Amino acid sequence: MARIVAYVDGFNVYHALEENSSYHKYKWLDYRALAQCYVGGTDTLEHAYLFTALATWNPAKAKRHQLYLRALRTRGVEVIQGKFKRKDCYCRLCRRQYQSFEEKLTDVNIAIHLFKGAYLDEYERALLISADTDIIPAISMVRQLFLTKQVGVVVPIGRYGMELKKECDFHHQMKQSQLVRSQLPEEVDDPVHGKICRPPAWT
């Protein structure tokens, strides 16, 4: 019997779903239920952390995201927020500068919480849901310093994550059937703010 903590890279999963139009209908995803798909019958899922950031420059998108985070909190998902930073970019075609936005702090936040969880003995197995190789140094350090801990990865659907798999004790590939059975209800009861409805764009 092992205690498991899940660490979800929200944007890594979101972009995996966004890049394939047939997966758009799975964005209303209950990350705690998804993590539970990879927990053995005798193991327990202690916590599910979601690491994400709000696109504050797009009010409509940010509002949808905030509603989604509220819905996830009712399911016991703990949300750790980073932020976006403006970034100056250059277009080689039109030779003009333009501004974009780059997500910051997610990798650092995941690394800190992964290490903290091992140090405070919150888990026997850490379950990382991501295909981002930037997290590899944190995985390697946890495995080197905490020999009784295991770190595994769930590679989002449509991704490969070969480098991550090599650094982990175990790995899973996210499947469409798991996305189907890990959806939030169409209406989520929030005892504080009332009902939260699935956005029409996510159906």
N, C-alpha and C. Protein backbone atom coordinates (compact mmCIF):
# COMPACT_ATOMS: atom_id res chain seq x y z
N MET A 1 0.84 -1.18 0.00
CA MET A 1 0.00 0.00 0.00
C MET A 1 0.88 1.24 0.00
N ALA A 2 0.67 2.13 -0.96
CA ALA A 2 1.50 3.32 -1.10
C ALA A 2 0.65 4.58 -1.14
N ARG A 3 1.18 5.65 -0.54
CA ARG A 3 0.54 6.97 -0.64
C ARG A 3 1.06 7.65 -1.91
N ILE A 4 0.14 8.21 -2.67
CA ILE A 4 0.49 8.82 -3.95
C ILE A 4 0.04 10.27 -3.96
N VAL A 5 0.91 11.14 -4.49
CA VAL A 5 0.56 12.54 -4.72
C VAL A 5 0.74 12.81 -6.20
N ALA A 6 -0.26 13.44 -6.81
CA ALA A 6 -0.23 13.75 -8.24
C ALA A 6 0.12 15.22 -8.45
N TYR A 7 1.00 15.48 -9.42
CA TYR A 7 1.42 16.83 -9.78
C TYR A 7 1.10 17.03 -11.26
N VAL A 8 0.14 17.88 -11.55
CA VAL A 8 -0.38 18.02 -12.91
C VAL A 8 0.11 19.32 -13.53
N ASP A 9 0.79 19.22 -14.66
CA ASP A 9 1.21 20.38 -15.45
C ASP A 9 0.03 20.76 -16.35
N GLY A 10 -0.78 21.71 -15.88
CA GLY A 10 -2.05 22.02 -16.53
C GLY A 10 -1.92 22.41 -17.98
N PHE A 11 -0.98 23.28 -18.31
CA PHE A 11 -0.86 23.73 -19.69
C PHE A 11 -0.30 22.66 -20.60
N ASN A 12 0.53 21.78 -20.08
CA ASN A 12 1.04 20.69 -20.88
C ASN A 12 -0.09 19.77 -21.32
N VAL A 13 -1.00 19.48 -20.39
CA VAL A 13 -2.16 18.65 -20.73
C VAL A 13 -3.10 19.42 -21.64
N TYR A 14 -3.35 20.70 -21.32
CA TYR A 14 -4.27 21.52 -22.12
C TYR A 14 -3.83 21.57 -23.59
N HIS A 15 -2.55 21.81 -23.83
CA HIS A 15 -2.08 21.92 -25.21
C HIS A 15 -2.14 20.58 -25.93
N ALA A 16 -1.96 19.49 -25.20
CA ALA A 16 -2.11 18.17 -25.81
C ALA A 16 -3.54 17.97 -26.31
N LEU A 17 -4.51 18.45 -25.54
CA LEU A 17 -5.92 18.35 -25.95
C LEU A 17 -6.25 19.37 -27.03
N GLU A 18 -5.68 20.55 -26.94
CA GLU A 18 -5.98 21.63 -27.88
C GLU A 18 -5.48 21.32 -29.29
N GLU A 19 -4.38 20.62 -29.40
CA GLU A 19 -3.76 20.37 -30.70
C GLU A 19 -4.52 19.36 -31.55
N ASN A 20 -5.42 18.62 -30.94
CA ASN A 20 -6.22 17.64 -31.68
C ASN A 20 -7.69 17.98 -31.46
N SER A 21 -8.37 18.41 -32.50
CA SER A 21 -9.76 18.89 -32.35
C SER A 21 -10.69 17.81 -31.79
N SER A 22 -10.37 16.55 -32.01
CA SER A 22 -11.23 15.48 -31.50
C SER A 22 -11.13 15.35 -29.98
N TYR A 23 -10.11 15.99 -29.37
CA TYR A 23 -9.95 15.94 -27.92
C TYR A 23 -10.48 17.18 -27.21
N HIS A 24 -10.98 18.17 -27.96
CA HIS A 24 -11.45 19.41 -27.34
C HIS A 24 -12.56 19.15 -26.33
N LYS A 25 -13.37 18.15 -26.59
CA LYS A 25 -14.51 17.85 -25.71
C LYS A 25 -14.08 17.28 -24.36
N TYR A 26 -12.79 17.03 -24.16
CA TYR A 26 -12.31 16.48 -22.90
C TYR A 26 -11.67 17.55 -21.99
N LYS A 27 -11.78 18.83 -22.35
CA LYS A 27 -11.14 19.88 -21.56
C LYS A 27 -11.77 20.06 -20.18
N TRP A 28 -13.03 19.64 -20.01
CA TRP A 28 -13.74 19.75 -18.73
C TRP A 28 -13.30 18.58 -17.86
N LEU A 29 -12.02 18.54 -17.57
CA LEU A 29 -11.36 17.35 -17.03
C LEU A 29 -11.21 17.45 -15.51
N ASP A 30 -11.61 16.40 -14.83
CA ASP A 30 -11.44 16.29 -13.39
C ASP A 30 -10.07 15.66 -13.14
N TYR A 31 -9.10 16.48 -12.74
CA TYR A 31 -7.73 15.98 -12.63
C TYR A 31 -7.55 15.00 -11.48
N ARG A 32 -8.36 15.12 -10.47
CA ARG A 32 -8.26 14.13 -9.38
C ARG A 32 -8.74 12.76 -9.87
N ALA A 33 -9.84 12.76 -10.63
CA ALA A 33 -10.35 11.50 -11.19
C ALA A 33 -9.36 10.92 -12.20
N LEU A 34 -8.73 11.80 -12.98
CA LEU A 34 -7.73 11.32 -13.94
C LEU A 34 -6.56 10.67 -13.22
N ALA A 35 -6.05 11.34 -12.19
CA ALA A 35 -4.93 10.77 -11.43
C ALA A 35 -5.31 9.42 -10.83
N GLN A 36 -6.56 9.30 -10.40
CA GLN A 36 -7.02 8.06 -9.78
C GLN A 36 -6.94 6.88 -10.75
N CYS A 37 -6.98 7.16 -12.06
CA CYS A 37 -6.87 6.10 -13.07
C CYS A 37 -5.54 5.36 -12.98
N TYR A 38 -4.52 6.00 -12.40
CA TYR A 38 -3.18 5.43 -12.36
C TYR A 38 -2.77 5.00 -10.95
N VAL A 39 -3.76 4.90 -10.08
CA VAL A 39 -3.52 4.49 -8.70
C VAL A 39 -3.98 3.05 -8.53
N GLY A 40 -3.10 2.20 -8.04
CA GLY A 40 -3.44 0.80 -7.85
C GLY A 40 -4.49 0.58 -6.79
N GLY A 41 -5.08 -0.60 -6.78
CA GLY A 41 -6.19 -0.89 -5.88
C GLY A 41 -5.86 -0.80 -4.41
N THR A 42 -4.62 -1.05 -4.02
CA THR A 42 -4.24 -0.99 -2.61
C THR A 42 -3.58 0.34 -2.24
N ASP A 43 -3.39 1.23 -3.24
CA ASP A 43 -2.75 2.53 -3.00
C ASP A 43 -3.79 3.61 -2.76
N THR A 44 -3.35 4.75 -2.21
CA THR A 44 -4.27 5.86 -1.95
C THR A 44 -3.73 7.15 -2.56
N LEU A 45 -4.63 7.91 -3.18
CA LEU A 45 -4.27 9.22 -3.73
C LEU A 45 -4.46 10.25 -2.63
N GLU A 46 -3.35 10.75 -2.10
CA GLU A 46 -3.41 11.68 -0.98
C GLU A 46 -3.76 13.10 -1.42
N HIS A 47 -3.14 13.56 -2.49
CA HIS A 47 -3.36 14.92 -2.97
C HIS A 47 -3.25 14.94 -4.49
N ALA A 48 -3.93 15.93 -5.11
CA ALA A 48 -3.76 16.19 -6.54
C ALA A 48 -3.54 17.69 -6.69
N TYR A 49 -2.33 18.05 -7.13
CA TYR A 49 -1.98 19.46 -7.33
C TYR A 49 -2.06 19.80 -8.82
N LEU A 50 -2.68 20.93 -9.13
CA LEU A 50 -2.71 21.43 -10.51
C LEU A 50 -1.88 22.71 -10.58
N PHE A 51 -0.95 22.76 -11.51
CA PHE A 51 -0.10 23.93 -11.71
C PHE A 51 -0.52 24.62 -13.00
N THR A 52 -0.90 25.88 -12.91
CA THR A 52 -1.45 26.58 -14.05
C THR A 52 -1.28 28.08 -13.88
N ALA A 53 -1.80 28.86 -14.84
CA ALA A 53 -1.74 30.33 -14.77
C ALA A 53 -2.89 30.89 -15.59
N LEU A 54 -3.36 32.07 -15.22
CA LEU A 54 -4.48 32.71 -15.90
C LEU A 54 -3.99 33.62 -17.03
N ALA A 55 -4.66 33.53 -18.18
CA ALA A 55 -4.36 34.41 -19.32
C ALA A 55 -5.09 35.73 -19.11
N THR A 56 -4.55 36.57 -18.25
CA THR A 56 -5.24 37.77 -17.80
C THR A 56 -5.47 38.79 -18.92
N TRP A 57 -4.71 38.73 -20.01
CA TRP A 57 -4.89 39.66 -21.12
C TRP A 57 -6.13 39.32 -21.97
N ASN A 58 -6.72 38.16 -21.74
CA ASN A 58 -7.92 37.73 -22.47
C ASN A 58 -9.01 37.50 -21.43
N PRO A 59 -9.84 38.52 -21.13
CA PRO A 59 -10.83 38.41 -20.04
C PRO A 59 -11.78 37.23 -20.18
N ALA A 60 -12.26 36.95 -21.39
CA ALA A 60 -13.21 35.85 -21.58
C ALA A 60 -12.55 34.50 -21.27
N LYS A 61 -11.34 34.35 -21.75
CA LYS A 61 -10.61 33.10 -21.50
C LYS A 61 -10.28 32.95 -20.02
N ALA A 62 -9.86 34.07 -19.40
CA ALA A 62 -9.51 34.02 -17.98
C ALA A 62 -10.74 33.69 -17.13
N LYS A 63 -11.89 34.22 -17.52
CA LYS A 63 -13.12 33.94 -16.77
C LYS A 63 -13.49 32.46 -16.84
N ARG A 64 -13.39 31.88 -18.04
CA ARG A 64 -13.66 30.44 -18.20
C ARG A 64 -12.70 29.63 -17.34
N HIS A 65 -11.44 30.04 -17.36
CA HIS A 65 -10.42 29.31 -16.59
C HIS A 65 -10.71 29.39 -15.10
N GLN A 66 -11.10 30.57 -14.61
CA GLN A 66 -11.41 30.74 -13.19
C GLN A 66 -12.59 29.86 -12.78
N LEU A 67 -13.61 29.78 -13.63
CA LEU A 67 -14.76 28.91 -13.35
C LEU A 67 -14.30 27.45 -13.26
N TYR A 68 -13.43 27.08 -14.19
CA TYR A 68 -12.92 25.71 -14.21
C TYR A 68 -12.14 25.40 -12.94
N LEU A 69 -11.29 26.34 -12.50
CA LEU A 69 -10.51 26.12 -11.29
C LEU A 69 -11.41 26.00 -10.06
N ARG A 70 -12.48 26.79 -10.03
CA ARG A 70 -13.45 26.67 -8.93
C ARG A 70 -14.08 25.29 -8.93
N ALA A 71 -14.43 24.81 -10.10
CA ALA A 71 -15.03 23.47 -10.21
C ALA A 71 -14.06 22.40 -9.73
N LEU A 72 -12.79 22.54 -10.09
CA LEU A 72 -11.79 21.55 -9.68
C LEU A 72 -11.57 21.56 -8.17
N ARG A 73 -11.62 22.74 -7.58
CA ARG A 73 -11.44 22.82 -6.12
C ARG A 73 -12.54 22.07 -5.38
N THR A 74 -13.75 22.04 -5.93
CA THR A 74 -14.83 21.29 -5.28
C THR A 74 -14.55 19.79 -5.29
N ARG A 75 -13.67 19.34 -6.19
CA ARG A 75 -13.33 17.91 -6.29
C ARG A 75 -12.08 17.56 -5.49
N GLY A 76 -11.52 18.57 -4.79
CA GLY A 76 -10.35 18.30 -3.96
C GLY A 76 -9.03 18.53 -4.66
N VAL A 77 -9.05 19.19 -5.82
CA VAL A 77 -7.81 19.52 -6.51
C VAL A 77 -7.24 20.81 -5.92
N GLU A 78 -5.96 20.79 -5.57
CA GLU A 78 -5.30 21.97 -5.01
C GLU A 78 -4.58 22.71 -6.14
N VAL A 79 -4.96 23.98 -6.35
CA VAL A 79 -4.47 24.76 -7.49
C VAL A 79 -3.29 25.62 -7.06
N ILE A 80 -2.17 25.50 -7.79
CA ILE A 80 -0.98 26.32 -7.57
C ILE A 80 -0.82 27.19 -8.82
N GLN A 81 -0.95 28.51 -8.66
CA GLN A 81 -0.94 29.39 -9.82
C GLN A 81 0.42 30.04 -10.04
N GLY A 82 0.83 30.05 -11.30
CA GLY A 82 1.98 30.82 -11.74
C GLY A 82 1.48 32.09 -12.39
N LYS A 83 2.20 32.54 -13.40
CA LYS A 83 1.77 33.76 -14.09
C LYS A 83 2.36 33.79 -15.49
N PHE A 84 1.83 34.69 -16.32
CA PHE A 84 2.39 34.92 -17.65
C PHE A 84 3.19 36.22 -17.64
N LYS A 85 4.23 36.24 -18.44
CA LYS A 85 5.06 37.43 -18.57
C LYS A 85 5.08 37.86 -20.04
N ARG A 86 4.97 39.18 -20.26
CA ARG A 86 5.07 39.70 -21.62
C ARG A 86 6.45 39.41 -22.20
N LYS A 87 6.46 39.07 -23.49
CA LYS A 87 7.71 38.72 -24.15
C LYS A 87 7.76 39.39 -25.51
N ASP A 88 8.85 40.09 -25.79
CA ASP A 88 9.05 40.72 -27.10
C ASP A 88 9.54 39.68 -28.10
N CYS A 89 8.82 39.57 -29.22
CA CYS A 89 9.18 38.62 -30.27
C CYS A 89 9.44 39.37 -31.58
N TYR A 90 10.10 38.70 -32.51
CA TYR A 90 10.44 39.31 -33.80
C TYR A 90 9.99 38.39 -34.92
N CYS A 91 9.24 38.96 -35.86
CA CYS A 91 8.75 38.18 -37.00
C CYS A 91 9.75 38.32 -38.15
N ARG A 92 10.31 37.21 -38.58
CA ARG A 92 11.29 37.25 -39.66
C ARG A 92 10.65 37.52 -41.02
N LEU A 93 9.35 37.24 -41.13
CA LEU A 93 8.67 37.46 -42.41
C LEU A 93 8.37 38.94 -42.64
N CYS A 94 7.69 39.56 -41.66
CA CYS A 94 7.34 40.97 -41.82
C CYS A 94 8.34 41.91 -41.17
N ARG A 95 9.33 41.34 -40.45
CA ARG A 95 10.41 42.09 -39.81
C ARG A 95 9.89 43.14 -38.82
N ARG A 96 8.92 42.74 -38.10
CA ARG A 96 8.37 43.62 -37.08
C ARG A 96 8.41 42.92 -35.72
N GLN A 97 8.48 43.75 -34.70
CA GLN A 97 8.40 43.22 -33.35
C GLN A 97 6.95 43.13 -32.91
N TYR A 98 6.65 42.14 -32.09
CA TYR A 98 5.31 42.01 -31.53
C TYR A 98 5.44 41.43 -30.13
N GLN A 99 4.40 41.57 -29.37
CA GLN A 99 4.41 41.06 -28.00
C GLN A 99 3.63 39.76 -27.89
N SER A 100 4.21 38.84 -27.15
CA SER A 100 3.53 37.59 -26.84
C SER A 100 3.59 37.40 -25.33
N PHE A 101 3.12 36.25 -24.88
CA PHE A 101 3.11 35.97 -23.44
C PHE A 101 3.73 34.60 -23.20
N GLU A 102 4.54 34.53 -22.16
CA GLU A 102 5.24 33.30 -21.82
C GLU A 102 4.90 32.90 -20.38
N GLU A 103 4.51 31.64 -20.22
CA GLU A 103 4.15 31.17 -18.89
C GLU A 103 5.40 31.06 -18.02
N LYS A 104 5.29 31.54 -16.79
CA LYS A 104 6.40 31.51 -15.86
C LYS A 104 6.02 30.78 -14.57
N LEU A 105 6.99 30.23 -13.91
CA LEU A 105 6.91 29.67 -12.56
C LEU A 105 6.37 28.24 -12.50
N THR A 106 5.69 27.75 -13.53
CA THR A 106 5.10 26.41 -13.42
C THR A 106 6.15 25.35 -13.15
N ASP A 107 7.22 25.33 -13.94
CA ASP A 107 8.27 24.31 -13.75
C ASP A 107 8.88 24.40 -12.36
N VAL A 108 9.14 25.65 -11.93
CA VAL A 108 9.73 25.86 -10.61
C VAL A 108 8.77 25.40 -9.52
N ASN A 109 7.50 25.75 -9.67
CA ASN A 109 6.50 25.36 -8.67
C ASN A 109 6.36 23.84 -8.56
N ILE A 110 6.36 23.17 -9.70
CA ILE A 110 6.28 21.71 -9.68
C ILE A 110 7.51 21.13 -8.99
N ALA A 111 8.68 21.63 -9.33
CA ALA A 111 9.93 21.13 -8.74
C ALA A 111 9.93 21.32 -7.23
N ILE A 112 9.51 22.50 -6.78
CA ILE A 112 9.50 22.79 -5.34
C ILE A 112 8.54 21.86 -4.61
N HIS A 113 7.33 21.70 -5.14
CA HIS A 113 6.33 20.87 -4.47
C HIS A 113 6.71 19.38 -4.52
N LEU A 114 7.33 18.96 -5.61
CA LEU A 114 7.80 17.57 -5.71
C LEU A 114 8.84 17.29 -4.63
N PHE A 115 9.80 18.21 -4.48
CA PHE A 115 10.85 18.05 -3.48
C PHE A 115 10.28 18.17 -2.06
N LYS A 116 9.38 19.15 -1.86
CA LYS A 116 8.77 19.35 -0.54
C LYS A 116 8.00 18.10 -0.12
N GLY A 117 7.26 17.52 -1.06
CA GLY A 117 6.49 16.33 -0.75
C GLY A 117 7.37 15.17 -0.31
N ALA A 118 8.53 15.03 -0.97
CA ALA A 118 9.46 13.98 -0.56
C ALA A 118 10.06 14.28 0.80
N TYR A 119 10.46 15.52 1.02
CA TYR A 119 11.10 15.92 2.29
C TYR A 119 10.16 15.76 3.47
N LEU A 120 8.87 16.12 3.27
CA LEU A 120 7.89 16.03 4.35
C LEU A 120 7.24 14.65 4.43
N ASP A 121 7.72 13.72 3.61
CA ASP A 121 7.21 12.35 3.59
C ASP A 121 5.70 12.33 3.32
N GLU A 122 5.27 13.07 2.30
CA GLU A 122 3.86 13.10 1.94
C GLU A 122 3.47 11.95 1.01
N TYR A 123 4.46 11.30 0.43
CA TYR A 123 4.16 10.23 -0.51
C TYR A 123 5.26 9.17 -0.52
N GLU A 124 4.85 7.98 -0.98
CA GLU A 124 5.82 6.95 -1.37
C GLU A 124 6.08 7.03 -2.87
N ARG A 125 5.02 7.44 -3.60
CA ARG A 125 5.14 7.58 -5.06
C ARG A 125 4.58 8.92 -5.50
N ALA A 126 5.37 9.64 -6.28
CA ALA A 126 4.91 10.89 -6.89
C ALA A 126 4.49 10.59 -8.33
N LEU A 127 3.36 11.15 -8.73
CA LEU A 127 2.83 10.92 -10.07
C LEU A 127 2.81 12.25 -10.81
N LEU A 128 3.68 12.40 -11.78
CA LEU A 128 3.80 13.63 -12.54
C LEU A 128 3.03 13.49 -13.85
N ILE A 129 2.07 14.37 -14.10
CA ILE A 129 1.30 14.32 -15.34
C ILE A 129 1.79 15.45 -16.23
N SER A 130 2.68 15.13 -17.14
CA SER A 130 3.33 16.13 -17.98
C SER A 130 4.25 15.40 -18.97
N ALA A 131 4.66 16.15 -20.01
CA ALA A 131 5.71 15.66 -20.91
C ALA A 131 6.83 16.68 -21.01
N ASP A 132 6.90 17.59 -20.06
CA ASP A 132 7.87 18.68 -20.08
C ASP A 132 9.20 18.21 -19.51
N THR A 133 10.22 18.21 -20.34
CA THR A 133 11.54 17.72 -19.91
C THR A 133 12.25 18.68 -18.95
N ASP A 134 11.76 19.92 -18.82
CA ASP A 134 12.39 20.86 -17.90
C ASP A 134 12.31 20.39 -16.44
N ILE A 135 11.42 19.44 -16.17
CA ILE A 135 11.24 18.96 -14.80
C ILE A 135 12.21 17.82 -14.47
N ILE A 136 12.96 17.34 -15.45
CA ILE A 136 13.86 16.20 -15.24
C ILE A 136 14.86 16.43 -14.11
N PRO A 137 15.53 17.60 -14.00
CA PRO A 137 16.48 17.78 -12.89
C PRO A 137 15.85 17.59 -11.52
N ALA A 138 14.60 18.06 -11.34
CA ALA A 138 13.91 17.89 -10.05
C ALA A 138 13.63 16.41 -9.79
N ILE A 139 13.21 15.69 -10.83
CA ILE A 139 12.94 14.26 -10.68
C ILE A 139 14.22 13.53 -10.27
N SER A 140 15.31 13.83 -10.97
CA SER A 140 16.59 13.17 -10.68
C SER A 140 17.06 13.45 -9.26
N MET A 141 16.88 14.68 -8.79
CA MET A 141 17.33 15.04 -7.45
C MET A 141 16.52 14.32 -6.38
N VAL A 142 15.20 14.25 -6.57
CA VAL A 142 14.36 13.54 -5.61
C VAL A 142 14.75 12.07 -5.54
N ARG A 143 14.99 11.46 -6.69
CA ARG A 143 15.35 10.04 -6.71
C ARG A 143 16.73 9.78 -6.11
N GLN A 144 17.63 10.75 -6.24
CA GLN A 144 18.97 10.59 -5.67
C GLN A 144 18.97 10.74 -4.15
N LEU A 145 18.19 11.71 -3.64
CA LEU A 145 18.25 12.04 -2.21
C LEU A 145 17.26 11.25 -1.36
N PHE A 146 16.19 10.78 -1.97
CA PHE A 146 15.15 10.06 -1.22
C PHE A 146 14.99 8.67 -1.84
N LEU A 147 15.83 7.77 -1.41
CA LEU A 147 15.93 6.47 -2.08
C LEU A 147 14.69 5.60 -1.93
N THR A 148 13.86 5.90 -0.94
CA THR A 148 12.64 5.10 -0.76
C THR A 148 11.47 5.65 -1.56
N LYS A 149 11.66 6.80 -2.20
CA LYS A 149 10.58 7.42 -2.97
C LYS A 149 10.67 7.01 -4.44
N GLN A 150 9.51 6.90 -5.07
CA GLN A 150 9.46 6.64 -6.51
C GLN A 150 8.76 7.81 -7.19
N VAL A 151 9.24 8.13 -8.39
CA VAL A 151 8.62 9.17 -9.20
C VAL A 151 8.22 8.56 -10.54
N GLY A 152 6.95 8.71 -10.89
CA GLY A 152 6.45 8.20 -12.17
C GLY A 152 5.86 9.32 -12.99
N VAL A 153 5.64 9.05 -14.26
CA VAL A 153 5.10 10.06 -15.16
C VAL A 153 3.92 9.49 -15.94
N VAL A 154 2.91 10.34 -16.13
CA VAL A 154 1.81 10.06 -17.06
C VAL A 154 2.00 11.00 -18.23
N VAL A 155 2.28 10.47 -19.40
CA VAL A 155 2.51 11.30 -20.58
C VAL A 155 1.16 11.64 -21.21
N PRO A 156 0.87 12.94 -21.39
CA PRO A 156 -0.42 13.34 -21.97
C PRO A 156 -0.67 12.71 -23.33
N ILE A 157 -1.92 12.55 -23.66
CA ILE A 157 -2.33 11.91 -24.90
C ILE A 157 -1.72 12.64 -26.11
N GLY A 158 -1.19 11.86 -27.03
CA GLY A 158 -0.58 12.44 -28.22
C GLY A 158 0.87 12.84 -28.05
N ARG A 159 1.41 12.75 -26.83
CA ARG A 159 2.81 13.08 -26.57
C ARG A 159 3.61 11.77 -26.42
N TYR A 160 4.94 11.90 -26.43
CA TYR A 160 5.79 10.73 -26.33
C TYR A 160 6.58 10.69 -25.02
N GLY A 161 7.25 11.78 -24.67
CA GLY A 161 7.92 11.85 -23.37
C GLY A 161 8.98 10.82 -23.12
N MET A 162 9.75 10.46 -24.16
CA MET A 162 10.75 9.39 -23.99
C MET A 162 11.82 9.75 -22.96
N GLU A 163 12.28 11.00 -22.96
CA GLU A 163 13.32 11.39 -22.00
C GLU A 163 12.81 11.32 -20.57
N LEU A 164 11.57 11.77 -20.37
CA LEU A 164 10.98 11.71 -19.03
C LEU A 164 10.84 10.26 -18.56
N LYS A 165 10.39 9.41 -19.44
CA LYS A 165 10.19 8.00 -19.07
C LYS A 165 11.49 7.37 -18.59
N LYS A 166 12.60 7.74 -19.25
CA LYS A 166 13.90 7.17 -18.87
C LYS A 166 14.33 7.59 -17.46
N GLU A 167 13.86 8.76 -17.02
CA GLU A 167 14.28 9.29 -15.72
C GLU A 167 13.38 8.83 -14.57
N CYS A 168 12.28 8.17 -14.89
CA CYS A 168 11.27 7.83 -13.88
C CYS A 168 11.30 6.35 -13.51
N ASP A 169 10.70 6.05 -12.37
CA ASP A 169 10.61 4.67 -11.90
C ASP A 169 9.50 3.90 -12.61
N PHE A 170 8.49 4.59 -13.06
CA PHE A 170 7.38 3.95 -13.78
C PHE A 170 6.73 5.01 -14.67
N HIS A 171 5.98 4.56 -15.65
CA HIS A 171 5.33 5.52 -16.54
C HIS A 171 4.04 4.94 -17.12
N HIS A 172 3.15 5.84 -17.49
CA HIS A 172 1.88 5.49 -18.13
C HIS A 172 1.66 6.42 -19.32
N GLN A 173 0.89 5.96 -20.28
CA GLN A 173 0.48 6.79 -21.40
C GLN A 173 -1.00 7.11 -21.25
N MET A 174 -1.34 8.40 -21.24
CA MET A 174 -2.74 8.80 -21.11
C MET A 174 -3.55 8.28 -22.31
N LYS A 175 -4.72 7.70 -22.01
CA LYS A 175 -5.57 7.13 -23.05
C LYS A 175 -6.90 7.89 -23.14
N GLN A 176 -7.51 7.81 -24.30
CA GLN A 176 -8.78 8.49 -24.51
C GLN A 176 -9.86 7.95 -23.57
N SER A 177 -9.84 6.67 -23.31
CA SER A 177 -10.84 6.07 -22.42
C SER A 177 -10.75 6.65 -21.01
N GLN A 178 -9.54 7.01 -20.58
CA GLN A 178 -9.35 7.61 -19.26
C GLN A 178 -9.87 9.04 -19.24
N LEU A 179 -9.72 9.76 -20.35
CA LEU A 179 -10.27 11.11 -20.45
C LEU A 179 -11.79 11.07 -20.40
N VAL A 180 -12.37 10.08 -21.06
CA VAL A 180 -13.84 9.96 -21.10
C VAL A 180 -14.40 9.79 -19.70
N ARG A 181 -13.80 8.92 -18.90
CA ARG A 181 -14.36 8.64 -17.58
C ARG A 181 -13.88 9.59 -16.49
N SER A 182 -13.07 10.60 -16.88
CA SER A 182 -12.57 11.56 -15.90
C SER A 182 -13.13 12.96 -16.11
N GLN A 183 -14.29 13.06 -16.76
CA GLN A 183 -14.90 14.36 -16.98
C GLN A 183 -15.69 14.82 -15.75
N LEU A 184 -15.67 16.13 -15.52
CA LEU A 184 -16.52 16.72 -14.48
C LEU A 184 -17.98 16.61 -14.90
N PRO A 185 -18.91 16.65 -13.97
CA PRO A 185 -20.33 16.70 -14.35
C PRO A 185 -20.63 17.97 -15.15
N GLU A 186 -21.67 17.94 -15.95
CA GLU A 186 -22.05 19.13 -16.73
C GLU A 186 -22.30 20.32 -15.82
N GLU A 187 -22.86 20.07 -14.65
CA GLU A 187 -23.05 21.10 -13.63
C GLU A 187 -22.37 20.64 -12.34
N VAL A 188 -21.52 21.51 -11.80
CA VAL A 188 -20.80 21.21 -10.56
C VAL A 188 -21.38 22.08 -9.45
N ASP A 189 -21.71 21.46 -8.34
CA ASP A 189 -22.26 22.20 -7.20
C ASP A 189 -21.12 22.81 -6.38
N ASP A 190 -21.09 24.14 -6.34
CA ASP A 190 -20.12 24.87 -5.53
C ASP A 190 -20.87 25.45 -4.34
N PRO A 191 -20.60 24.98 -3.12
CA PRO A 191 -21.35 25.45 -1.95
C PRO A 191 -21.20 26.95 -1.68
N VAL A 192 -20.17 27.56 -2.24
CA VAL A 192 -19.93 29.00 -2.01
C VAL A 192 -20.56 29.84 -3.10
N HIS A 193 -20.33 29.48 -4.37
CA HIS A 193 -20.75 30.32 -5.49
C HIS A 193 -21.95 29.76 -6.28
N GLY A 194 -22.45 28.63 -5.89
CA GLY A 194 -23.58 28.04 -6.62
C GLY A 194 -23.10 27.13 -7.74
N LYS A 195 -23.99 26.84 -8.68
CA LYS A 195 -23.68 25.89 -9.75
C LYS A 195 -22.67 26.47 -10.73
N ILE A 196 -21.76 25.61 -11.17
CA ILE A 196 -20.78 25.95 -12.19
C ILE A 196 -21.07 25.07 -13.39
N CYS A 197 -21.34 25.68 -14.54
CA CYS A 197 -21.72 24.93 -15.74
C CYS A 197 -20.54 24.79 -16.69
N ARG A 198 -20.49 23.68 -17.36
CA ARG A 198 -19.46 23.44 -18.36
C ARG A 198 -19.57 24.49 -19.46
N PRO A 199 -18.48 25.17 -19.85
CA PRO A 199 -18.54 26.17 -20.92
C PRO A 199 -18.96 25.53 -22.23
N PRO A 200 -19.84 26.19 -22.99
CA PRO A 200 -20.27 25.64 -24.28
C PRO A 200 -19.11 25.34 -25.23
N ALA A 201 -18.04 26.15 -25.12
CA ALA A 201 -16.88 25.94 -26.01
C ALA A 201 -16.15 24.64 -25.69
N TRP A 202 -16.42 24.04 -24.53
CA TRP A 202 -15.74 22.83 -24.12
C TRP A 202 -16.62 21.58 -24.24
N THR A 203 -17.57 21.63 -25.14
CA THR A 203 -18.46 20.47 -25.34
C THR A 203 -18.19 19.80 -26.66
